[in-house]
PDB file of N, CA and C in Angstrom:
ATOM      1  N   MET A   1     -25.293 -40.188 -12.169  1.00  0.00           N
ATOM      2  CA  MET A   1     -25.988 -41.192 -12.962  1.00  0.00           C
ATOM      3  C   MET A   1     -25.503 -41.107 -14.414  1.00  0.00           C
ATOM      4  N   LYS A   2     -25.310 -42.222 -15.007  1.00  0.00           N
ATOM      5  CA  LYS A   2     -24.869 -42.282 -16.398  1.00  0.00           C
ATOM      6  C   LYS A   2     -26.025 -41.919 -17.323  1.00  0.00           C
ATOM      7  N   ASN A   3     -25.683 -41.448 -18.508  1.00  0.00           N
ATOM      8  CA  ASN A   3     -26.692 -41.122 -19.502  1.00  0.00           C
ATOM      9  C   ASN A   3     -27.061 -42.404 -20.249  1.00  0.00           C
ATOM     10  N   GLU A   4     -28.120 -43.052 -19.779  1.00  0.00           N
ATOM     11  CA  GLU A   4     -28.546 -44.332 -20.357  1.00  0.00           C
ATOM     12  C   GLU A   4     -28.979 -44.186 -21.814  1.00  0.00           C
ATOM     13  N   PHE A   5     -29.656 -43.081 -22.125  1.00  0.00           N
ATOM     14  CA  PHE A   5     -30.114 -42.866 -23.495  1.00  0.00           C
ATOM     15  C   PHE A   5     -28.923 -42.812 -24.451  1.00  0.00           C
ATOM     16  N   ALA A   6     -27.922 -42.013 -24.120  1.00  0.00           N
ATOM     17  CA  ALA A   6     -26.744 -41.876 -24.986  1.00  0.00           C
ATOM     18  C   ALA A   6     -26.002 -43.201 -25.120  1.00  0.00           C
ATOM     19  N   ARG A   7     -25.902 -43.936 -24.033  1.00  0.00           N
ATOM     20  CA  ARG A   7     -25.236 -45.239 -24.094  1.00  0.00           C
ATOM     21  C   ARG A   7     -26.005 -46.183 -25.020  1.00  0.00           C
ATOM     22  N   GLY A   8     -27.338 -46.138 -24.939  1.00  0.00           N
ATOM     23  CA  GLY A   8     -28.165 -46.953 -25.823  1.00  0.00           C
ATOM     24  C   GLY A   8     -27.984 -46.578 -27.285  1.00  0.00           C
ATOM     25  N   VAL A   9     -27.919 -45.270 -27.564  1.00  0.00           N
ATOM     26  CA  VAL A   9     -27.703 -44.812 -28.942  1.00  0.00           C
ATOM     27  C   VAL A   9     -26.386 -45.363 -29.476  1.00  0.00           C
ATOM     28  N   MET A  10     -25.336 -45.225 -28.687  1.00  0.00           N
ATOM     29  CA  MET A  10     -24.015 -45.694 -29.135  1.00  0.00           C
ATOM     30  C   MET A  10     -24.008 -47.207 -29.352  1.00  0.00           C
ATOM     31  N   ASP A  11     -24.612 -47.958 -28.436  1.00  0.00           N
ATOM     32  CA  ASP A  11     -24.670 -49.413 -28.594  1.00  0.00           C
ATOM     33  C   ASP A  11     -25.494 -49.800 -29.820  1.00  0.00           C
ATOM     34  N   GLY A  12     -26.596 -49.093 -30.038  1.00  0.00           N
ATOM     35  CA  GLY A  12     -27.437 -49.369 -31.201  1.00  0.00           C
ATOM     36  C   GLY A  12     -26.727 -49.088 -32.513  1.00  0.00           C
ATOM     37  N   MET A  13     -25.933 -48.029 -32.535  1.00  0.00           N
ATOM     38  CA  MET A  13     -25.209 -47.685 -33.758  1.00  0.00           C
ATOM     39  C   MET A  13     -24.138 -48.717 -34.095  1.00  0.00           C
ATOM     40  N   LYS A  14     -23.649 -49.418 -33.082  1.00  0.00           N
ATOM     41  CA  LYS A  14     -22.620 -50.439 -33.304  1.00  0.00           C
ATOM     42  C   LYS A  14     -23.214 -51.816 -33.595  1.00  0.00           C
ATOM     43  N   SER A  15     -24.495 -51.993 -33.306  1.00  0.00           N
ATOM     44  CA  SER A  15     -25.127 -53.306 -33.423  1.00  0.00           C
ATOM     45  C   SER A  15     -25.569 -53.588 -34.858  1.00  0.00           C
ATOM     46  N   ARG A  16     -25.273 -54.768 -35.336  1.00  0.00           N
ATOM     47  CA  ARG A  16     -25.706 -55.162 -36.677  1.00  0.00           C
ATOM     48  C   ARG A  16     -27.094 -55.800 -36.654  1.00  0.00           C
ATOM     49  N   HIS A  17     -27.562 -56.182 -35.471  1.00  0.00           N
ATOM     50  CA  HIS A  17     -28.869 -56.824 -35.310  1.00  0.00           C
ATOM     51  C   HIS A  17     -29.532 -56.274 -34.055  1.00  0.00           C
ATOM     52  N   PRO A  18     -30.872 -56.243 -34.022  1.00  0.00           N
ATOM     53  CA  PRO A  18     -31.543 -55.802 -32.800  1.00  0.00           C
ATOM     54  C   PRO A  18     -31.285 -56.780 -31.657  1.00  0.00           C
ATOM     55  N   GLN A  19     -31.328 -56.267 -30.455  1.00  0.00           N
ATOM     56  CA  GLN A  19     -31.143 -57.104 -29.275  1.00  0.00           C
ATOM     57  C   GLN A  19     -32.362 -57.993 -29.057  1.00  0.00           C
ATOM     58  N   GLU A  20     -32.119 -59.170 -28.532  1.00  0.00           N
ATOM     59  CA  GLU A  20     -33.221 -60.052 -28.139  1.00  0.00           C
ATOM     60  C   GLU A  20     -33.944 -59.424 -26.947  1.00  0.00           C
ATOM     61  N   ILE A  21     -35.220 -59.674 -26.844  1.00  0.00           N
ATOM     62  CA  ILE A  21     -36.020 -59.105 -25.764  1.00  0.00           C
ATOM     63  C   ILE A  21     -35.448 -59.496 -24.408  1.00  0.00           C
ATOM     64  N   ALA A  22     -35.065 -60.746 -24.251  1.00  0.00           N
ATOM     65  CA  ALA A  22     -34.539 -61.229 -22.971  1.00  0.00           C
ATOM     66  C   ALA A  22     -33.263 -60.496 -22.569  1.00  0.00           C
ATOM     67  N   ALA A  23     -32.496 -60.019 -23.535  1.00  0.00           N
ATOM     68  CA  ALA A  23     -31.250 -59.309 -23.229  1.00  0.00           C
ATOM     69  C   ALA A  23     -31.514 -57.922 -22.654  1.00  0.00           C
ATOM     70  N   PHE A  24     -32.731 -57.421 -22.791  1.00  0.00           N
ATOM     71  CA  PHE A  24     -33.071 -56.073 -22.345  1.00  0.00           C
ATOM     72  C   PHE A  24     -33.788 -56.023 -21.001  1.00  0.00           C
ATOM     73  N   THR A  25     -33.969 -57.123 -20.351  1.00  0.00           N
ATOM     74  CA  THR A  25     -34.764 -57.119 -19.120  1.00  0.00           C
ATOM     75  C   THR A  25     -34.168 -56.246 -18.024  1.00  0.00           C
ATOM     76  N   ASP A  26     -32.856 -56.097 -17.986  1.00  0.00           N
ATOM     77  CA  ASP A  26     -32.221 -55.314 -16.925  1.00  0.00           C
ATOM     78  C   ASP A  26     -31.954 -53.862 -17.312  1.00  0.00           C
ATOM     79  N   TYR A  27     -32.382 -53.451 -18.488  1.00  0.00           N
ATOM     80  CA  TYR A  27     -32.117 -52.087 -18.947  1.00  0.00           C
ATOM     81  C   TYR A  27     -33.324 -51.184 -18.723  1.00  0.00           C
ATOM     82  N   ARG A  28     -33.040 -49.919 -18.472  1.00  0.00           N
ATOM     83  CA  ARG A  28     -34.098 -48.915 -18.313  1.00  0.00           C
ATOM     84  C   ARG A  28     -34.682 -48.547 -19.678  1.00  0.00           C
ATOM     85  N   ALA A  29     -35.864 -47.937 -19.639  1.00  0.00           N
ATOM     86  CA  ALA A  29     -36.539 -47.529 -20.876  1.00  0.00           C
ATOM     87  C   ALA A  29     -35.694 -46.530 -21.667  1.00  0.00           C
ATOM     88  N   ASP A  30     -34.971 -45.635 -20.987  1.00  0.00           N
ATOM     89  CA  ASP A  30     -34.132 -44.662 -21.697  1.00  0.00           C
ATOM     90  C   ASP A  30     -33.069 -45.355 -22.539  1.00  0.00           C
ATOM     91  N   TYR A  31     -32.457 -46.395 -21.996  1.00  0.00           N
ATOM     92  CA  TYR A  31     -31.450 -47.137 -22.752  1.00  0.00           C
ATOM     93  C   TYR A  31     -32.098 -47.794 -23.970  1.00  0.00           C
ATOM     94  N   LYS A  32     -33.262 -48.417 -23.773  1.00  0.00           N
ATOM     95  CA  LYS A  32     -33.950 -49.099 -24.873  1.00  0.00           C
ATOM     96  C   LYS A  32     -34.317 -48.120 -25.986  1.00  0.00           C
ATOM     97  N   ARG A  33     -34.830 -46.936 -25.598  1.00  0.00           N
ATOM     98  CA  ARG A  33     -35.169 -45.917 -26.602  1.00  0.00           C
ATOM     99  C   ARG A  33     -33.926 -45.512 -27.389  1.00  0.00           C
ATOM    100  N   GLY A  34     -32.846 -45.273 -26.668  1.00  0.00           N
ATOM    101  CA  GLY A  34     -31.599 -44.904 -27.329  1.00  0.00           C
ATOM    102  C   GLY A  34     -31.102 -45.998 -28.253  1.00  0.00           C
ATOM    103  N   PHE A  35     -31.195 -47.243 -27.793  1.00  0.00           N
ATOM    104  CA  PHE A  35     -30.737 -48.360 -28.619  1.00  0.00           C
ATOM    105  C   PHE A  35     -31.527 -48.421 -29.920  1.00  0.00           C
ATOM    106  N   ILE A  36     -32.840 -48.313 -29.831  1.00  0.00           N
ATOM    107  CA  ILE A  36     -33.679 -48.366 -31.034  1.00  0.00           C
ATOM    108  C   ILE A  36     -33.283 -47.262 -32.005  1.00  0.00           C
ATOM    109  N   LEU A  37     -33.130 -46.052 -31.498  1.00  0.00           N
ATOM    110  CA  LEU A  37     -32.800 -44.939 -32.389  1.00  0.00           C
ATOM    111  C   LEU A  37     -31.402 -45.079 -32.981  1.00  0.00           C
ATOM    112  N   GLY A  38     -30.448 -45.537 -32.189  1.00  0.00           N
ATOM    113  CA  GLY A  38     -29.101 -45.760 -32.712  1.00  0.00           C
ATOM    114  C   GLY A  38     -29.080 -46.872 -33.744  1.00  0.00           C
ATOM    115  N   TYR A  39     -29.773 -47.960 -33.435  1.00  0.00           N
ATOM    116  CA  TYR A  39     -29.833 -49.084 -34.371  1.00  0.00           C
ATOM    117  C   TYR A  39     -30.496 -48.659 -35.683  1.00  0.00           C
ATOM    118  N   CYS A  40     -31.595 -47.939 -35.580  1.00  0.00           N
ATOM    119  CA  CYS A  40     -32.316 -47.532 -36.785  1.00  0.00           C
ATOM    120  C   CYS A  40     -31.549 -46.470 -37.568  1.00  0.00           C
ATOM    121  N   HIS A  41     -30.765 -45.661 -36.879  1.00  0.00           N
ATOM    122  CA  HIS A  41     -29.923 -44.680 -37.578  1.00  0.00           C
ATOM    123  C   HIS A  41     -28.898 -45.396 -38.456  1.00  0.00           C
ATOM    124  N   GLN A  42     -28.220 -46.386 -37.891  1.00  0.00           N
ATOM    125  CA  GLN A  42     -27.229 -47.093 -38.701  1.00  0.00           C
ATOM    126  C   GLN A  42     -27.901 -47.928 -39.785  1.00  0.00           C
ATOM    127  N   LEU A  43     -29.127 -48.387 -39.530  1.00  0.00           N
ATOM    128  CA  LEU A  43     -29.882 -49.114 -40.549  1.00  0.00           C
ATOM    129  C   LEU A  43     -30.186 -48.188 -41.733  1.00  0.00           C
ATOM    130  N   GLU A  44     -30.599 -46.964 -41.425  1.00  0.00           N
ATOM    131  CA  GLU A  44     -30.888 -45.981 -42.475  1.00  0.00           C
ATOM    132  C   GLU A  44     -29.618 -45.644 -43.253  1.00  0.00           C
ATOM    133  N   ARG A  45     -28.509 -45.519 -42.576  1.00  0.00           N
ATOM    134  CA  ARG A  45     -27.244 -45.214 -43.264  1.00  0.00           C
ATOM    135  C   ARG A  45     -26.796 -46.378 -44.146  1.00  0.00           C
ATOM    136  N   ARG A  46     -27.020 -47.590 -43.669  1.00  0.00           N
ATOM    137  CA  ARG A  46     -26.593 -48.770 -44.426  1.00  0.00           C
ATOM    138  C   ARG A  46     -27.420 -48.948 -45.701  1.00  0.00           C
ATOM    139  N   TYR A  47     -28.748 -48.759 -45.590  1.00  0.00           N
ATOM    140  CA  TYR A  47     -29.631 -49.014 -46.729  1.00  0.00           C
ATOM    141  C   TYR A  47     -30.131 -47.748 -47.421  1.00  0.00           C
ATOM    142  N   GLY A  48     -29.936 -46.592 -46.808  1.00  0.00           N
ATOM    143  CA  GLY A  48     -30.359 -45.338 -47.419  1.00  0.00           C
ATOM    144  C   GLY A  48     -31.854 -45.146 -47.467  1.00  0.00           C
ATOM    145  N   GLU A  49     -32.577 -45.772 -46.560  1.00  0.00           N
ATOM    146  CA  GLU A  49     -34.041 -45.694 -46.587  1.00  0.00           C
ATOM    147  C   GLU A  49     -34.568 -45.395 -45.188  1.00  0.00           C
ATOM    148  N   MET A  50     -34.952 -44.143 -44.980  1.00  0.00           N
ATOM    149  CA  MET A  50     -35.442 -43.711 -43.668  1.00  0.00           C
ATOM    150  C   MET A  50     -36.765 -44.383 -43.307  1.00  0.00           C
ATOM    151  N   ALA A  51     -37.626 -44.641 -44.284  1.00  0.00           N
ATOM    152  CA  ALA A  51     -38.909 -45.290 -43.993  1.00  0.00           C
ATOM    153  C   ALA A  51     -38.693 -46.702 -43.452  1.00  0.00           C
ATOM    154  N   LEU A  52     -37.693 -47.404 -43.958  1.00  0.00           N
ATOM    155  CA  LEU A  52     -37.360 -48.733 -43.441  1.00  0.00           C
ATOM    156  C   LEU A  52     -36.928 -48.636 -41.981  1.00  0.00           C
ATOM    157  N   ALA A  53     -36.106 -47.641 -41.678  1.00  0.00           N
ATOM    158  CA  ALA A  53     -35.647 -47.447 -40.304  1.00  0.00           C
ATOM    159  C   ALA A  53     -36.820 -47.118 -39.378  1.00  0.00           C
ATOM    160  N   ALA A  54     -37.739 -46.281 -39.835  1.00  0.00           N
ATOM    161  CA  ALA A  54     -38.908 -45.926 -39.023  1.00  0.00           C
ATOM    162  C   ALA A  54     -39.792 -47.146 -38.792  1.00  0.00           C
ATOM    163  N   TRP A  55     -39.978 -47.960 -39.825  1.00  0.00           N
ATOM    164  CA  TRP A  55     -40.777 -49.186 -39.706  1.00  0.00           C
ATOM    165  C   TRP A  55     -40.155 -50.126 -38.675  1.00  0.00           C
ATOM    166  N   LYS A  56     -38.838 -50.315 -38.766  1.00  0.00           N
ATOM    167  CA  LYS A  56     -38.147 -51.197 -37.822  1.00  0.00           C
ATOM    168  C   LYS A  56     -38.225 -50.631 -36.409  1.00  0.00           C
ATOM    169  N   ALA A  57     -38.156 -49.315 -36.276  1.00  0.00           N
ATOM    170  CA  ALA A  57     -38.291 -48.690 -34.957  1.00  0.00           C
ATOM    171  C   ALA A  57     -39.662 -48.991 -34.362  1.00  0.00           C
ATOM    172  N   GLY A  58     -40.697 -48.987 -35.188  1.00  0.00           N
ATOM    173  CA  GLY A  58     -42.033 -49.330 -34.703  1.00  0.00           C
ATOM    174  C   GLY A  58     -42.101 -50.758 -34.191  1.00  0.00           C
ATOM    175  N   ILE A  59     -41.510 -51.671 -34.945  1.00  0.00           N
ATOM    176  CA  ILE A  59     -41.488 -53.077 -34.520  1.00  0.00           C
ATOM    177  C   ILE A  59     -40.762 -53.222 -33.190  1.00  0.00           C
ATOM    178  N   LEU A  60     -39.583 -52.624 -33.086  1.00  0.00           N
ATOM    179  CA  LEU A  60     -38.788 -52.765 -31.864  1.00  0.00           C
ATOM    180  C   LEU A  60     -39.439 -52.067 -30.673  1.00  0.00           C
ATOM    181  N   THR A  61     -40.123 -50.963 -30.929  1.00  0.00           N
ATOM    182  CA  THR A  61     -40.825 -50.263 -29.847  1.00  0.00           C
ATOM    183  C   THR A  61     -41.853 -51.178 -29.199  1.00  0.00           C
ATOM    184  N   ARG A  62     -42.627 -51.876 -30.013  1.00  0.00           N
ATOM    185  CA  ARG A  62     -43.619 -52.801 -29.454  1.00  0.00           C
ATOM    186  C   ARG A  62     -42.930 -53.983 -28.786  1.00  0.00           C
ATOM    187  N   ARG A  63     -41.938 -54.558 -29.438  1.00  0.00           N
ATOM    188  CA  ARG A  63     -41.257 -55.732 -28.876  1.00  0.00           C
ATOM    189  C   ARG A  63     -40.608 -55.441 -27.532  1.00  0.00           C
ATOM    190  N   TYR A  64     -40.035 -54.251 -27.402  1.00  0.00           N
ATOM    191  CA  TYR A  64     -39.345 -53.902 -26.159  1.00  0.00           C
ATOM    192  C   TYR A  64     -40.282 -53.274 -25.131  1.00  0.00           C
ATOM    193  N   GLY A  65     -41.573 -53.179 -25.470  1.00  0.00           N
ATOM    194  CA  GLY A  65     -42.572 -52.695 -24.516  1.00  0.00           C
ATOM    195  C   GLY A  65     -42.473 -51.214 -24.197  1.00  0.00           C
ATOM    196  N   LEU A  66     -42.109 -50.407 -25.181  1.00  0.00           N
ATOM    197  CA  LEU A  66     -41.981 -48.968 -24.963  1.00  0.00           C
ATOM    198  C   LEU A  66     -43.233 -48.230 -25.409  1.00  0.00           C
ATOM    199  N   ASP A  67     -43.365 -46.996 -24.961  1.00  0.00           N
ATOM    200  CA  ASP A  67     -44.519 -46.172 -25.269  1.00  0.00           C
ATOM    201  C   ASP A  67     -44.497 -45.743 -26.738  1.00  0.00           C
ATOM    202  N   GLN A  68     -45.557 -46.089 -27.456  1.00  0.00           N
ATOM    203  CA  GLN A  68     -45.640 -45.799 -28.888  1.00  0.00           C
ATOM    204  C   GLN A  68     -45.606 -44.298 -29.163  1.00  0.00           C
ATOM    205  N   ALA A  69     -46.396 -43.528 -28.431  1.00  0.00           N
ATOM    206  CA  ALA A  69     -46.484 -42.088 -28.691  1.00  0.00           C
ATOM    207  C   ALA A  69     -45.150 -41.390 -28.446  1.00  0.00           C
ATOM    208  N   LEU A  70     -44.463 -41.775 -27.406  1.00  0.00           N
ATOM    209  CA  LEU A  70     -43.175 -41.161 -27.099  1.00  0.00           C
ATOM    210  C   LEU A  70     -42.149 -41.446 -28.193  1.00  0.00           C
ATOM    211  N   MET A  71     -42.093 -42.684 -28.651  1.00  0.00           N
ATOM    212  CA  MET A  71     -41.141 -43.031 -29.707  1.00  0.00           C
ATOM    213  C   MET A  71     -41.534 -42.400 -31.048  1.00  0.00           C
ATOM    214  N   ARG A  72     -42.817 -42.305 -31.302  1.00  0.00           N
ATOM    215  CA  ARG A  72     -43.286 -41.717 -32.567  1.00  0.00           C
ATOM    216  C   ARG A  72     -42.847 -40.253 -32.686  1.00  0.00           C
ATOM    217  N   GLU A  73     -42.708 -39.575 -31.549  1.00  0.00           N
ATOM    218  CA  GLU A  73     -42.290 -38.170 -31.569  1.00  0.00           C
ATOM    219  C   GLU A  73     -40.950 -37.977 -32.270  1.00  0.00           C
ATOM    220  N   PHE A  74     -40.073 -38.959 -32.184  1.00  0.00           N
ATOM    221  CA  PHE A  74     -38.783 -38.833 -32.853  1.00  0.00           C
ATOM    222  C   PHE A  74     -38.962 -38.720 -34.366  1.00  0.00           C
ATOM    223  N   PHE A  75     -40.017 -39.299 -34.890  1.00  0.00           N
ATOM    224  CA  PHE A  75     -40.243 -39.268 -36.332  1.00  0.00           C
ATOM    225  C   PHE A  75     -41.104 -38.087 -36.756  1.00  0.00           C
ATOM    226  N   THR A  76     -41.899 -37.535 -35.847  1.00  0.00           N
ATOM    227  CA  THR A  76     -42.673 -36.342 -36.187  1.00  0.00           C
ATOM    228  C   THR A  76     -41.759 -35.131 -36.291  1.00  0.00           C
ATOM    229  N   ASP A  77     -40.588 -35.185 -35.648  1.00  0.00           N
ATOM    230  CA  ASP A  77     -39.634 -34.080 -35.754  1.00  0.00           C
ATOM    231  C   ASP A  77     -39.154 -33.871 -37.182  1.00  0.00           C
ATOM    232  N   PHE A  78     -39.220 -34.899 -38.006  1.00  0.00           N
ATOM    233  CA  PHE A  78     -38.815 -34.782 -39.408  1.00  0.00           C
ATOM    234  C   PHE A  78     -39.931 -34.187 -40.266  1.00  0.00           C
ATOM    235  N   ARG A  79     -41.095 -33.944 -39.660  1.00  0.00           N
ATOM    236  CA  ARG A  79     -42.260 -33.401 -40.351  1.00  0.00           C
ATOM    237  C   ARG A  79     -42.589 -34.207 -41.611  1.00  0.00           C
ATOM    238  N   SER A  80     -42.561 -35.509 -41.446  1.00  0.00           N
ATOM    239  CA  SER A  80     -42.834 -36.392 -42.575  1.00  0.00           C
ATOM    240  C   SER A  80     -43.919 -37.391 -42.190  1.00  0.00           C
ATOM    241  N   GLU A  81     -45.078 -37.238 -42.804  1.00  0.00           N
ATOM    242  CA  GLU A  81     -46.165 -38.192 -42.557  1.00  0.00           C
ATOM    243  C   GLU A  81     -45.762 -39.595 -42.982  1.00  0.00           C
ATOM    244  N   ARG A  82     -44.953 -39.688 -44.012  1.00  0.00           N
ATOM    245  CA  ARG A  82     -44.499 -40.997 -44.501  1.00  0.00           C
ATOM    246  C   ARG A  82     -43.732 -41.746 -43.407  1.00  0.00           C
ATOM    247  N   LEU A  83     -42.868 -41.056 -42.687  1.00  0.00           N
ATOM    248  CA  LEU A  83     -42.103 -41.705 -41.622  1.00  0.00           C
ATOM    249  C   LEU A  83     -42.996 -42.097 -40.457  1.00  0.00           C
ATOM    250  N   VAL A  84     -43.931 -41.241 -40.111  1.00  0.00           N
ATOM    251  CA  VAL A  84     -44.858 -41.560 -39.022  1.00  0.00           C
ATOM    252  C   VAL A  84     -45.707 -42.768 -39.407  1.00  0.00           C
ATOM    253  N   ARG A  85     -46.183 -42.802 -40.643  1.00  0.00           N
ATOM    254  CA  ARG A  85     -46.962 -43.957 -41.102  1.00  0.00           C
ATOM    255  C   ARG A  85     -46.117 -45.230 -41.079  1.00  0.00           C
ATOM    256  N   SER A  86     -44.871 -45.139 -41.493  1.00  0.00           N
ATOM    257  CA  SER A  86     -43.984 -46.313 -41.469  1.00  0.00           C
ATOM    258  C   SER A  86     -43.774 -46.804 -40.045  1.00  0.00           C
ATOM    259  N   PHE A  87     -43.553 -45.875 -39.121  1.00  0.00           N
ATOM    260  CA  PHE A  87     -43.387 -46.246 -37.716  1.00  0.00           C
ATOM    261  C   PHE A  87     -44.653 -46.933 -37.200  1.00  0.00           C
ATOM    262  N   ASN A  88     -45.805 -46.316 -37.437  1.00  0.00           N
ATOM    263  CA  ASN A  88     -47.074 -46.888 -36.966  1.00  0.00           C
ATOM    264  C   ASN A  88     -47.342 -48.256 -37.583  1.00  0.00           C
ATOM    265  N   ARG A  89     -47.023 -48.411 -38.856  1.00  0.00           N
ATOM    266  CA  ARG A  89     -47.222 -49.701 -39.518  1.00  0.00           C
ATOM    267  C   ARG A  89     -46.345 -50.774 -38.862  1.00  0.00           C
ATOM    268  N   GLY A  90     -45.091 -50.451 -38.595  1.00  0.00           N
ATOM    269  CA  GLY A  90     -44.210 -51.402 -37.921  1.00  0.00           C
ATOM    270  C   GLY A  90     -44.720 -51.764 -36.541  1.00  0.00           C
ATOM    271  N   TYR A  91     -45.207 -50.764 -35.817  1.00  0.00           N
ATOM    272  CA  TYR A  91     -45.732 -51.006 -34.473  1.00  0.00           C
ATOM    273  C   TYR A  91     -46.930 -51.949 -34.529  1.00  0.00           C
ATOM    274  N   GLN A  92     -47.832 -51.724 -35.478  1.00  0.00           N
ATOM    275  CA  GLN A  92     -49.019 -52.575 -35.608  1.00  0.00           C
ATOM    276  C   GLN A  92     -48.658 -53.975 -36.095  1.00  0.00           C
ATOM    277  N   GLU A  93     -47.758 -54.068 -37.054  1.00  0.00           N
ATOM    278  CA  GLU A  93     -47.362 -55.378 -37.581  1.00  0.00           C
ATOM    279  C   GLU A  93     -46.661 -56.220 -36.522  1.00  0.00           C
ATOM    280  N   ALA A  94     -45.962 -55.592 -35.603  1.00  0.00           N
ATOM    281  CA  ALA A  94     -45.251 -56.334 -34.556  1.00  0.00           C
ATOM    282  C   ALA A  94     -46.217 -57.108 -33.671  1.00  0.00           C
ATOM    283  N   ALA A  95     -47.449 -56.636 -33.566  1.00  0.00           N
ATOM    284  CA  ALA A  95     -48.442 -57.341 -32.748  1.00  0.00           C
ATOM    285  C   ALA A  95     -48.779 -58.695 -33.355  1.00  0.00           C
ATOM    286  N   ALA A  96     -48.679 -58.803 -34.672  1.00  0.00           N
ATOM    287  CA  ALA A  96     -49.031 -60.048 -35.355  1.00  0.00           C
ATOM    288  C   ALA A  96     -47.837 -60.987 -35.523  1.00  0.00           C
ATOM    289  N   LEU A  97     -46.636 -60.472 -35.290  1.00  0.00           N
ATOM    290  CA  LEU A  97     -45.436 -61.297 -35.460  1.00  0.00           C
ATOM    291  C   LEU A  97     -45.189 -62.145 -34.221  1.00  0.00           C
ATOM    292  N   PRO A  98     -44.708 -63.361 -34.400  1.00  0.00           N
ATOM    293  CA  PRO A  98     -44.334 -64.146 -33.218  1.00  0.00           C
ATOM    294  C   PRO A  98     -43.114 -63.516 -32.563  1.00  0.00           C
ATOM    295  N   ALA A  99     -43.036 -63.640 -31.270  1.00  0.00           N
ATOM    296  CA  ALA A  99     -41.875 -63.118 -30.549  1.00  0.00           C
ATOM    297  C   ALA A  99     -40.629 -63.858 -31.016  1.00  0.00           C
ATOM    298  N   PRO A 100     -39.511 -63.159 -31.136  1.00  0.00           N
ATOM    299  CA  PRO A 100     -38.278 -63.837 -31.553  1.00  0.00           C
ATOM    300  C   PRO A 100     -37.954 -64.992 -30.610  1.00  0.00           C
ATOM    301  N   GLY A 101     -37.624 -66.114 -31.176  1.00  0.00           N
ATOM    302  CA  GLY A 101     -37.291 -67.281 -30.369  1.00  0.00           C
ATOM    303  C   GLY A 101     -38.493 -68.107 -29.946  1.00  0.00           C
ATOM    304  N   ALA A 102     -39.705 -67.642 -30.280  1.00  0.00           N
ATOM    305  CA  ALA A 102     -40.910 -68.393 -29.913  1.00  0.00           C
ATOM    306  C   ALA A 102     -41.075 -69.590 -30.843  1.00  0.00           C
ATOM    307  N   ALA A 103     -41.623 -70.645 -30.322  1.00  0.00           N
ATOM    308  CA  ALA A 103     -41.871 -71.843 -31.138  1.00  0.00           C
ATOM    309  C   ALA A 103     -42.957 -71.535 -32.157  1.00  0.00           C
ATOM    310  N   ALA A 104     -42.754 -71.987 -33.363  1.00  0.00           N
ATOM    311  CA  ALA A 104     -43.730 -71.724 -34.432  1.00  0.00           C
ATOM    312  C   ALA A 104     -44.878 -72.693 -34.376  1.00  0.00           C
TER     313      ALA A 104
END
């Protein structure tokens, strides 16, 4: 079996934009988790702001239907309440945002 998580990380690091929800329907949760972390890693490198990356990870976690607690663990490893708060804020704000591509 291929390492879906690692493949997701690599794809996320190469992506300039998050994937549309519909593009992820055939992917496993491990790939989606990896993609979010890879995408947010390159986002942090591009802008130099880890809190922005954590916030975006929260948004994408909700949009892609992943487990909030499991994804939040990646940010608790940094022992930074600021990053955990940013992740949680993004996750909560995503509930109020219209789905990408939805009619306004």
